[in-house]
Amino acid sequence: MEFEKNGLVHYIQRVPHECKTRFYNRAEFIGELYPSYTDDYEKLIQYSKIWSSIKYDGTRYADVIENSIKKMTSGTKYELSF
């Protein structure tokens, strides 16, 4: 799916069997966090998948990964409680 946020065009592929709500939430996550994200765009897409997995499935990851998610989402509507 291609979408525009703040003048930037993003292309996000839907994960097989991913429901629309979850997919749109991941796209919003990427669109909102991208302007302040300083690492590789593909890594942000991977973090969106991890964030979604934590939010919807309660999946747990290594502390270093969860801390990265906490740091990037701190103070946003995407902040998760672990």
PDB file of N, CA and C in Angstrom:
ATOM      1  N   MET A   1       0.847  -1.164   0.000  1.00  0.00           N
ATOM      2  CA  MET A   1       0.000   0.000   0.000  1.00  0.00           C
ATOM      3  C   MET A   1       0.897   1.231   0.000  1.00  0.00           C
ATOM      4  N   GLU A   2       0.512   2.194  -0.738  1.00  0.00           N
ATOM      5  CA  GLU A   2       1.217   3.459  -0.780  1.00  0.00           C
ATOM      6  C   GLU A   2       0.366   4.495  -0.056  1.00  0.00           C
ATOM      7  N   PHE A   3       0.997   5.279   0.830  1.00  0.00           N
ATOM      8  CA  PHE A   3       0.268   6.334   1.511  1.00  0.00           C
ATOM      9  C   PHE A   3       1.181   7.526   1.737  1.00  0.00           C
ATOM     10  N   GLU A   4       0.566   8.672   1.926  1.00  0.00           N
ATOM     11  CA  GLU A   4       1.304   9.924   2.117  1.00  0.00           C
ATOM     12  C   GLU A   4       1.069  10.433   3.520  1.00  0.00           C
ATOM     13  N   LYS A   5       2.139  10.867   4.169  1.00  0.00           N
ATOM     14  CA  LYS A   5       2.060  11.444   5.510  1.00  0.00           C
ATOM     15  C   LYS A   5       3.050  12.596   5.577  1.00  0.00           C
ATOM     16  N   ASN A   6       2.555  13.786   5.855  1.00  0.00           N
ATOM     17  CA  ASN A   6       3.394  14.982   5.967  1.00  0.00           C
ATOM     18  C   ASN A   6       4.247  15.213   4.724  1.00  0.00           C
ATOM     19  N   GLY A   7       3.677  14.978   3.567  1.00  0.00           N
ATOM     20  CA  GLY A   7       4.392  15.214   2.324  1.00  0.00           C
ATOM     21  C   GLY A   7       5.342  14.101   1.906  1.00  0.00           C
ATOM     22  N   LEU A   8       5.450  13.058   2.692  1.00  0.00           N
ATOM     23  CA  LEU A   8       6.315  11.928   2.365  1.00  0.00           C
ATOM     24  C   LEU A   8       5.458  10.745   1.927  1.00  0.00           C
ATOM     25  N   VAL A   9       5.876  10.080   0.866  1.00  0.00           N
ATOM     26  CA  VAL A   9       5.153   8.912   0.379  1.00  0.00           C
ATOM     27  C   VAL A   9       5.836   7.661   0.928  1.00  0.00           C
ATOM     28  N   HIS A  10       5.030   6.795   1.520  1.00  0.00           N
ATOM     29  CA  HIS A  10       5.522   5.538   2.099  1.00  0.00           C
ATOM     30  C   HIS A  10       4.880   4.378   1.341  1.00  0.00           C
ATOM     31  N   TYR A  11       5.649   3.334   1.170  1.00  0.00           N
ATOM     32  CA  TYR A  11       5.108   2.103   0.604  1.00  0.00           C
ATOM     33  C   TYR A  11       5.316   0.990   1.616  1.00  0.00           C
ATOM     34  N   ILE A  12       4.225   0.425   2.081  1.00  0.00           N
ATOM     35  CA  ILE A  12       4.261  -0.618   3.105  1.00  0.00           C
ATOM     36  C   ILE A  12       3.571  -1.859   2.547  1.00  0.00           C
ATOM     37  N   GLN A  13       4.231  -3.000   2.672  1.00  0.00           N
ATOM     38  CA  GLN A  13       3.620  -4.252   2.252  1.00  0.00           C
ATOM     39  C   GLN A  13       2.909  -4.893   3.423  1.00  0.00           C
ATOM     40  N   ARG A  14       1.762  -5.419   3.139  1.00  0.00           N
ATOM     41  CA  ARG A  14       0.983  -6.121   4.153  1.00  0.00           C
ATOM     42  C   ARG A  14       1.593  -7.502   4.396  1.00  0.00           C
ATOM     43  N   VAL A  15       1.731  -7.858   5.660  1.00  0.00           N
ATOM     44  CA  VAL A  15       2.204  -9.191   6.034  1.00  0.00           C
ATOM     45  C   VAL A  15       1.109 -10.191   5.674  1.00  0.00           C
ATOM     46  N   PRO A  16       1.465 -11.357   5.095  1.00  0.00           N
ATOM     47  CA  PRO A  16       0.424 -12.334   4.764  1.00  0.00           C
ATOM     48  C   PRO A  16      -0.466 -12.634   5.969  1.00  0.00           C
ATOM     49  N   HIS A  17      -1.753 -12.630   5.738  1.00  0.00           N
ATOM     50  CA  HIS A  17      -2.781 -12.920   6.738  1.00  0.00           C
ATOM     51  C   HIS A  17      -2.920 -11.834   7.804  1.00  0.00           C
ATOM     52  N   GLU A  18      -2.342 -10.674   7.586  1.00  0.00           N
ATOM     53  CA  GLU A  18      -2.460  -9.559   8.535  1.00  0.00           C
ATOM     54  C   GLU A  18      -3.802  -8.869   8.313  1.00  0.00           C
ATOM     55  N   CYS A  19      -4.571  -8.695   9.380  1.00  0.00           N
ATOM     56  CA  CYS A  19      -5.873  -8.041   9.231  1.00  0.00           C
ATOM     57  C   CYS A  19      -5.672  -6.565   8.883  1.00  0.00           C
ATOM     58  N   LYS A  20      -6.688  -5.962   8.284  1.00  0.00           N
ATOM     59  CA  LYS A  20      -6.580  -4.569   7.834  1.00  0.00           C
ATOM     60  C   LYS A  20      -6.316  -3.596   8.976  1.00  0.00           C
ATOM     61  N   THR A  21      -6.964  -3.791  10.096  1.00  0.00           N
ATOM     62  CA  THR A  21      -6.779  -2.888  11.236  1.00  0.00           C
ATOM     63  C   THR A  21      -5.335  -2.894  11.695  1.00  0.00           C
ATOM     64  N   ARG A  22      -4.792  -4.055  11.852  1.00  0.00           N
ATOM     65  CA  ARG A  22      -3.402  -4.193  12.282  1.00  0.00           C
ATOM     66  C   ARG A  22      -2.455  -3.578  11.251  1.00  0.00           C
ATOM     67  N   PHE A  23      -2.708  -3.826   9.985  1.00  0.00           N
ATOM     68  CA  PHE A  23      -1.894  -3.275   8.906  1.00  0.00           C
ATOM     69  C   PHE A  23      -1.941  -1.752   8.904  1.00  0.00           C
ATOM     70  N   TYR A  24      -3.125  -1.182   9.017  1.00  0.00           N
ATOM     71  CA  TYR A  24      -3.248   0.278   9.032  1.00  0.00           C
ATOM     72  C   TYR A  24      -2.573   0.881  10.268  1.00  0.00           C
ATOM     73  N   ASN A  25      -2.651   0.203  11.399  1.00  0.00           N
ATOM     74  CA  ASN A  25      -1.953   0.688  12.597  1.00  0.00           C
ATOM     75  C   ASN A  25      -0.438   0.688  12.383  1.00  0.00           C
ATOM     76  N   ARG A  26       0.084  -0.336  11.731  1.00  0.00           N
ATOM     77  CA  ARG A  26       1.518  -0.376  11.429  1.00  0.00           C
ATOM     78  C   ARG A  26       1.908   0.756  10.484  1.00  0.00           C
ATOM     79  N   ALA A  27       1.065   1.002   9.483  1.00  0.00           N
ATOM     80  CA  ALA A  27       1.342   2.084   8.535  1.00  0.00           C
ATOM     81  C   ALA A  27       1.344   3.429   9.251  1.00  0.00           C
ATOM     82  N   GLU A  28       0.394   3.646  10.142  1.00  0.00           N
ATOM     83  CA  GLU A  28       0.350   4.892  10.917  1.00  0.00           C
ATOM     84  C   GLU A  28       1.589   5.010  11.799  1.00  0.00           C
ATOM     85  N   PHE A  29       1.996   3.917  12.424  1.00  0.00           N
ATOM     86  CA  PHE A  29       3.195   3.871  13.253  1.00  0.00           C
ATOM     87  C   PHE A  29       4.397   4.368  12.445  1.00  0.00           C
ATOM     88  N   ILE A  30       4.566   3.834  11.257  1.00  0.00           N
ATOM     89  CA  ILE A  30       5.691   4.216  10.396  1.00  0.00           C
ATOM     90  C   ILE A  30       5.589   5.677   9.991  1.00  0.00           C
ATOM     91  N   GLY A  31       4.407   6.095   9.555  1.00  0.00           N
ATOM     92  CA  GLY A  31       4.216   7.476   9.111  1.00  0.00           C
ATOM     93  C   GLY A  31       4.453   8.496  10.208  1.00  0.00           C
ATOM     94  N   GLU A  32       4.030   8.180  11.410  1.00  0.00           N
ATOM     95  CA  GLU A  32       4.195   9.107  12.534  1.00  0.00           C
ATOM     96  C   GLU A  32       5.635   9.166  13.043  1.00  0.00           C
ATOM     97  N   LEU A  33       6.294   8.016  13.111  1.00  0.00           N
ATOM     98  CA  LEU A  33       7.623   7.964  13.710  1.00  0.00           C
ATOM     99  C   LEU A  33       8.754   8.249  12.727  1.00  0.00           C
ATOM    100  N   TYR A  34       8.494   8.110  11.437  1.00  0.00           N
ATOM    101  CA  TYR A  34       9.552   8.277  10.449  1.00  0.00           C
ATOM    102  C   TYR A  34      10.272   9.637  10.512  1.00  0.00           C
ATOM    103  N   PRO A  35       9.570  10.747  10.639  1.00  0.00           N
ATOM    104  CA  PRO A  35      10.280  12.039  10.641  1.00  0.00           C
ATOM    105  C   PRO A  35      11.345  12.167  11.729  1.00  0.00           C
ATOM    106  N   SER A  36      11.160  11.519  12.867  1.00  0.00           N
ATOM    107  CA  SER A  36      12.142  11.623  13.947  1.00  0.00           C
ATOM    108  C   SER A  36      13.066  10.406  14.015  1.00  0.00           C
ATOM    109  N   TYR A  37      12.869   9.434  13.139  1.00  0.00           N
ATOM    110  CA  TYR A  37      13.671   8.214  13.141  1.00  0.00           C
ATOM    111  C   TYR A  37      14.965   8.450  12.378  1.00  0.00           C
ATOM    112  N   THR A  38      16.091   8.060  12.951  1.00  0.00           N
ATOM    113  CA  THR A  38      17.380   8.367  12.338  1.00  0.00           C
ATOM    114  C   THR A  38      18.097   7.153  11.764  1.00  0.00           C
ATOM    115  N   ASP A  39      17.510   5.989  11.853  1.00  0.00           N
ATOM    116  CA  ASP A  39      18.153   4.769  11.350  1.00  0.00           C
ATOM    117  C   ASP A  39      17.563   4.399   9.986  1.00  0.00           C
ATOM    118  N   ASP A  40      17.902   3.230   9.499  1.00  0.00           N
ATOM    119  CA  ASP A  40      17.472   2.710   8.211  1.00  0.00           C
ATOM    120  C   ASP A  40      15.945   2.537   8.156  1.00  0.00           C
ATOM    121  N   TYR A  41      15.340   2.939   7.034  1.00  0.00           N
ATOM    122  CA  TYR A  41      13.891   2.847   6.851  1.00  0.00           C
ATOM    123  C   TYR A  41      13.400   1.401   6.969  1.00  0.00           C
ATOM    124  N   GLU A  42      14.150   0.465   6.412  1.00  0.00           N
ATOM    125  CA  GLU A  42      13.762  -0.943   6.498  1.00  0.00           C
ATOM    126  C   GLU A  42      13.732  -1.425   7.945  1.00  0.00           C
ATOM    127  N   LYS A  43      14.601  -0.892   8.768  1.00  0.00           N
ATOM    128  CA  LYS A  43      14.619  -1.254  10.187  1.00  0.00           C
ATOM    129  C   LYS A  43      13.363  -0.733  10.882  1.00  0.00           C
ATOM    130  N   LEU A  44      12.909   0.454  10.487  1.00  0.00           N
ATOM    131  CA  LEU A  44      11.665   1.006  11.039  1.00  0.00           C
ATOM    132  C   LEU A  44      10.483   0.111  10.673  1.00  0.00           C
ATOM    133  N   ILE A  45      10.474  -0.407   9.464  1.00  0.00           N
ATOM    134  CA  ILE A  45       9.409  -1.327   9.048  1.00  0.00           C
ATOM    135  C   ILE A  45       9.449  -2.589   9.915  1.00  0.00           C
ATOM    136  N   GLN A  46      10.653  -3.109  10.170  1.00  0.00           N
ATOM    137  CA  GLN A  46      10.782  -4.283  11.042  1.00  0.00           C
ATOM    138  C   GLN A  46      10.294  -3.961  12.456  1.00  0.00           C
ATOM    139  N   TYR A  47      10.654  -2.787  12.963  1.00  0.00           N
ATOM    140  CA  TYR A  47      10.180  -2.392  14.291  1.00  0.00           C
ATOM    141  C   TYR A  47       8.657  -2.270  14.316  1.00  0.00           C
ATOM    142  N   SER A  48       8.055  -1.837  13.220  1.00  0.00           N
ATOM    143  CA  SER A  48       6.593  -1.745  13.177  1.00  0.00           C
ATOM    144  C   SER A  48       5.958  -3.124  13.321  1.00  0.00           C
ATOM    145  N   LYS A  49       6.589  -4.126  12.733  1.00  0.00           N
ATOM    146  CA  LYS A  49       6.083  -5.498  12.843  1.00  0.00           C
ATOM    147  C   LYS A  49       6.242  -6.017  14.269  1.00  0.00           C
ATOM    148  N   ILE A  50       7.374  -5.699  14.874  1.00  0.00           N
ATOM    149  CA  ILE A  50       7.607  -6.113  16.263  1.00  0.00           C
ATOM    150  C   ILE A  50       6.624  -5.411  17.185  1.00  0.00           C
ATOM    151  N   TRP A  51       6.461  -4.092  16.995  1.00  0.00           N
ATOM    152  CA  TRP A  51       5.512  -3.314  17.799  1.00  0.00           C
ATOM    153  C   TRP A  51       4.109  -3.906  17.693  1.00  0.00           C
ATOM    154  N   SER A  52       3.703  -4.234  16.479  1.00  0.00           N
ATOM    155  CA  SER A  52       2.383  -4.809  16.247  1.00  0.00           C
ATOM    156  C   SER A  52       2.241  -6.165  16.938  1.00  0.00           C
ATOM    157  N   SER A  53       3.276  -6.954  16.883  1.00  0.00           N
ATOM    158  CA  SER A  53       3.263  -8.264  17.528  1.00  0.00           C
ATOM    159  C   SER A  53       3.148  -8.136  19.048  1.00  0.00           C
ATOM    160  N   ILE A  54       3.835  -7.154  19.611  1.00  0.00           N
ATOM    161  CA  ILE A  54       3.734  -6.913  21.051  1.00  0.00           C
ATOM    162  C   ILE A  54       2.332  -6.425  21.402  1.00  0.00           C
ATOM    163  N   LYS A  55       1.847  -5.462  20.633  1.00  0.00           N
ATOM    164  CA  LYS A  55       0.541  -4.856  20.927  1.00  0.00           C
ATOM    165  C   LYS A  55      -0.613  -5.850  20.800  1.00  0.00           C
ATOM    166  N   TYR A  56      -0.647  -6.581  19.716  1.00  0.00           N
ATOM    167  CA  TYR A  56      -1.798  -7.433  19.433  1.00  0.00           C
ATOM    168  C   TYR A  56      -1.675  -8.866  19.966  1.00  0.00           C
ATOM    169  N   ASP A  57      -0.435  -9.366  20.057  1.00  0.00           N
ATOM    170  CA  ASP A  57      -0.260 -10.760  20.445  1.00  0.00           C
ATOM    171  C   ASP A  57       0.375 -10.937  21.818  1.00  0.00           C
ATOM    172  N   GLY A  58       0.902  -9.855  22.379  1.00  0.00           N
ATOM    173  CA  GLY A  58       1.573  -9.952  23.667  1.00  0.00           C
ATOM    174  C   GLY A  58       2.921 -10.655  23.585  1.00  0.00           C
ATOM    175  N   THR A  59       3.495 -10.694  22.383  1.00  0.00           N
ATOM    176  CA  THR A  59       4.787 -11.339  22.179  1.00  0.00           C
ATOM    177  C   THR A  59       5.869 -10.597  22.954  1.00  0.00           C
ATOM    178  N   ARG A  60       6.803 -11.331  23.496  1.00  0.00           N
ATOM    179  CA  ARG A  60       7.942 -10.733  24.209  1.00  0.00           C
ATOM    180  C   ARG A  60       9.200 -10.931  23.391  1.00  0.00           C
ATOM    181  N   TYR A  61      10.090  -9.944  23.470  1.00  0.00           N
ATOM    182  CA  TYR A  61      11.348  -9.969  22.731  1.00  0.00           C
ATOM    183  C   TYR A  61      12.496  -9.716  23.696  1.00  0.00           C
ATOM    184  N   ALA A  62      13.710  -9.858  23.188  1.00  0.00           N
ATOM    185  CA  ALA A  62      14.899  -9.585  23.992  1.00  0.00           C
ATOM    186  C   ALA A  62      14.827  -8.151  24.516  1.00  0.00           C
ATOM    187  N   ASP A  63      15.395  -7.923  25.688  1.00  0.00           N
ATOM    188  CA  ASP A  63      15.362  -6.598  26.312  1.00  0.00           C
ATOM    189  C   ASP A  63      15.876  -5.503  25.396  1.00  0.00           C
ATOM    190  N   VAL A  64      16.924  -5.782  24.654  1.00  0.00           N
ATOM    191  CA  VAL A  64      17.496  -4.756  23.775  1.00  0.00           C
ATOM    192  C   VAL A  64      16.482  -4.313  22.711  1.00  0.00           C
ATOM    193  N   ILE A  65      15.702  -5.243  22.199  1.00  0.00           N
ATOM    194  CA  ILE A  65      14.682  -4.909  21.193  1.00  0.00           C
ATOM    195  C   ILE A  65      13.534  -4.156  21.848  1.00  0.00           C
ATOM    196  N   GLU A  66      13.043  -4.658  22.973  1.00  0.00           N
ATOM    197  CA  GLU A  66      11.943  -3.978  23.659  1.00  0.00           C
ATOM    198  C   GLU A  66      12.348  -2.578  24.105  1.00  0.00           C
ATOM    199  N   ASN A  67      13.587  -2.404  24.535  1.00  0.00           N
ATOM    200  CA  ASN A  67      14.059  -1.076  24.934  1.00  0.00           C
ATOM    201  C   ASN A  67      14.127  -0.129  23.739  1.00  0.00           C
ATOM    202  N   SER A  68      14.484  -0.636  22.578  1.00  0.00           N
ATOM    203  CA  SER A  68      14.493   0.192  21.366  1.00  0.00           C
ATOM    204  C   SER A  68      13.083   0.661  21.025  1.00  0.00           C
ATOM    205  N   ILE A  69      12.123  -0.251  21.141  1.00  0.00           N
ATOM    206  CA  ILE A  69      10.718   0.100  20.890  1.00  0.00           C
ATOM    207  C   ILE A  69      10.251   1.138  21.904  1.00  0.00           C
ATOM    208  N   LYS A  70      10.579   0.918  23.180  1.00  0.00           N
ATOM    209  CA  LYS A  70      10.193   1.880  24.231  1.00  0.00           C
ATOM    210  C   LYS A  70      10.747   3.259  23.945  1.00  0.00           C
ATOM    211  N   LYS A  71      12.016   3.313  23.567  1.00  0.00           N
ATOM    212  CA  LYS A  71      12.675   4.594  23.315  1.00  0.00           C
ATOM    213  C   LYS A  71      12.029   5.321  22.133  1.00  0.00           C
ATOM    214  N   MET A  72      11.780   4.619  21.050  1.00  0.00           N
ATOM    215  CA  MET A  72      11.245   5.280  19.859  1.00  0.00           C
ATOM    216  C   MET A  72       9.773   5.680  20.009  1.00  0.00           C
ATOM    217  N   THR A  73       9.030   5.006  20.886  1.00  0.00           N
ATOM    218  CA  THR A  73       7.604   5.319  21.033  1.00  0.00           C
ATOM    219  C   THR A  73       7.295   6.150  22.274  1.00  0.00           C
ATOM    220  N   SER A  74       8.305   6.447  23.065  1.00  0.00           N
ATOM    221  CA  SER A  74       8.101   7.205  24.301  1.00  0.00           C
ATOM    222  C   SER A  74       7.407   8.542  24.025  1.00  0.00           C
ATOM    223  N   GLY A  75       6.320   8.775  24.737  1.00  0.00           N
ATOM    224  CA  GLY A  75       5.577  10.021  24.598  1.00  0.00           C
ATOM    225  C   GLY A  75       4.668  10.084  23.384  1.00  0.00           C
ATOM    226  N   THR A  76       4.500   8.961  22.673  1.00  0.00           N
ATOM    227  CA  THR A  76       3.605   8.932  21.517  1.00  0.00           C
ATOM    228  C   THR A  76       2.403   8.038  21.827  1.00  0.00           C
ATOM    229  N   LYS A  77       1.434   8.049  20.939  1.00  0.00           N
ATOM    230  CA  LYS A  77       0.266   7.186  21.150  1.00  0.00           C
ATOM    231  C   LYS A  77       0.607   5.707  20.875  1.00  0.00           C
ATOM    232  N   TYR A  78       1.823   5.440  20.426  1.00  0.00           N
ATOM    233  CA  TYR A  78       2.257   4.078  20.145  1.00  0.00           C
ATOM    234  C   TYR A  78       3.025   3.449  21.293  1.00  0.00           C
ATOM    235  N   GLU A  79       3.160   4.185  22.394  1.00  0.00           N
ATOM    236  CA  GLU A  79       3.875   3.687  23.555  1.00  0.00           C
ATOM    237  C   GLU A  79       3.165   2.469  24.131  1.00  0.00           C
ATOM    238  N   LEU A  80       3.937   1.425  24.414  1.00  0.00           N
ATOM    239  CA  LEU A  80       3.397   0.190  24.964  1.00  0.00           C
ATOM    240  C   LEU A  80       3.862   0.002  26.389  1.00  0.00           C
ATOM    241  N   SER A  81       3.060  -0.683  27.158  1.00  0.00           N
ATOM    242  CA  SER A  81       3.502  -1.032  28.515  1.00  0.00           C
ATOM    243  C   SER A  81       3.918  -2.499  28.493  1.00  0.00           C
ATOM    244  N   PHE A  82       5.089  -2.767  28.999  1.00  0.00           N
ATOM    245  CA  PHE A  82       5.628  -4.133  29.017  1.00  0.00           C
ATOM    246  C   PHE A  82       5.479  -4.706  30.386  1.00  0.00           C
TER     247      PHE A  82
END
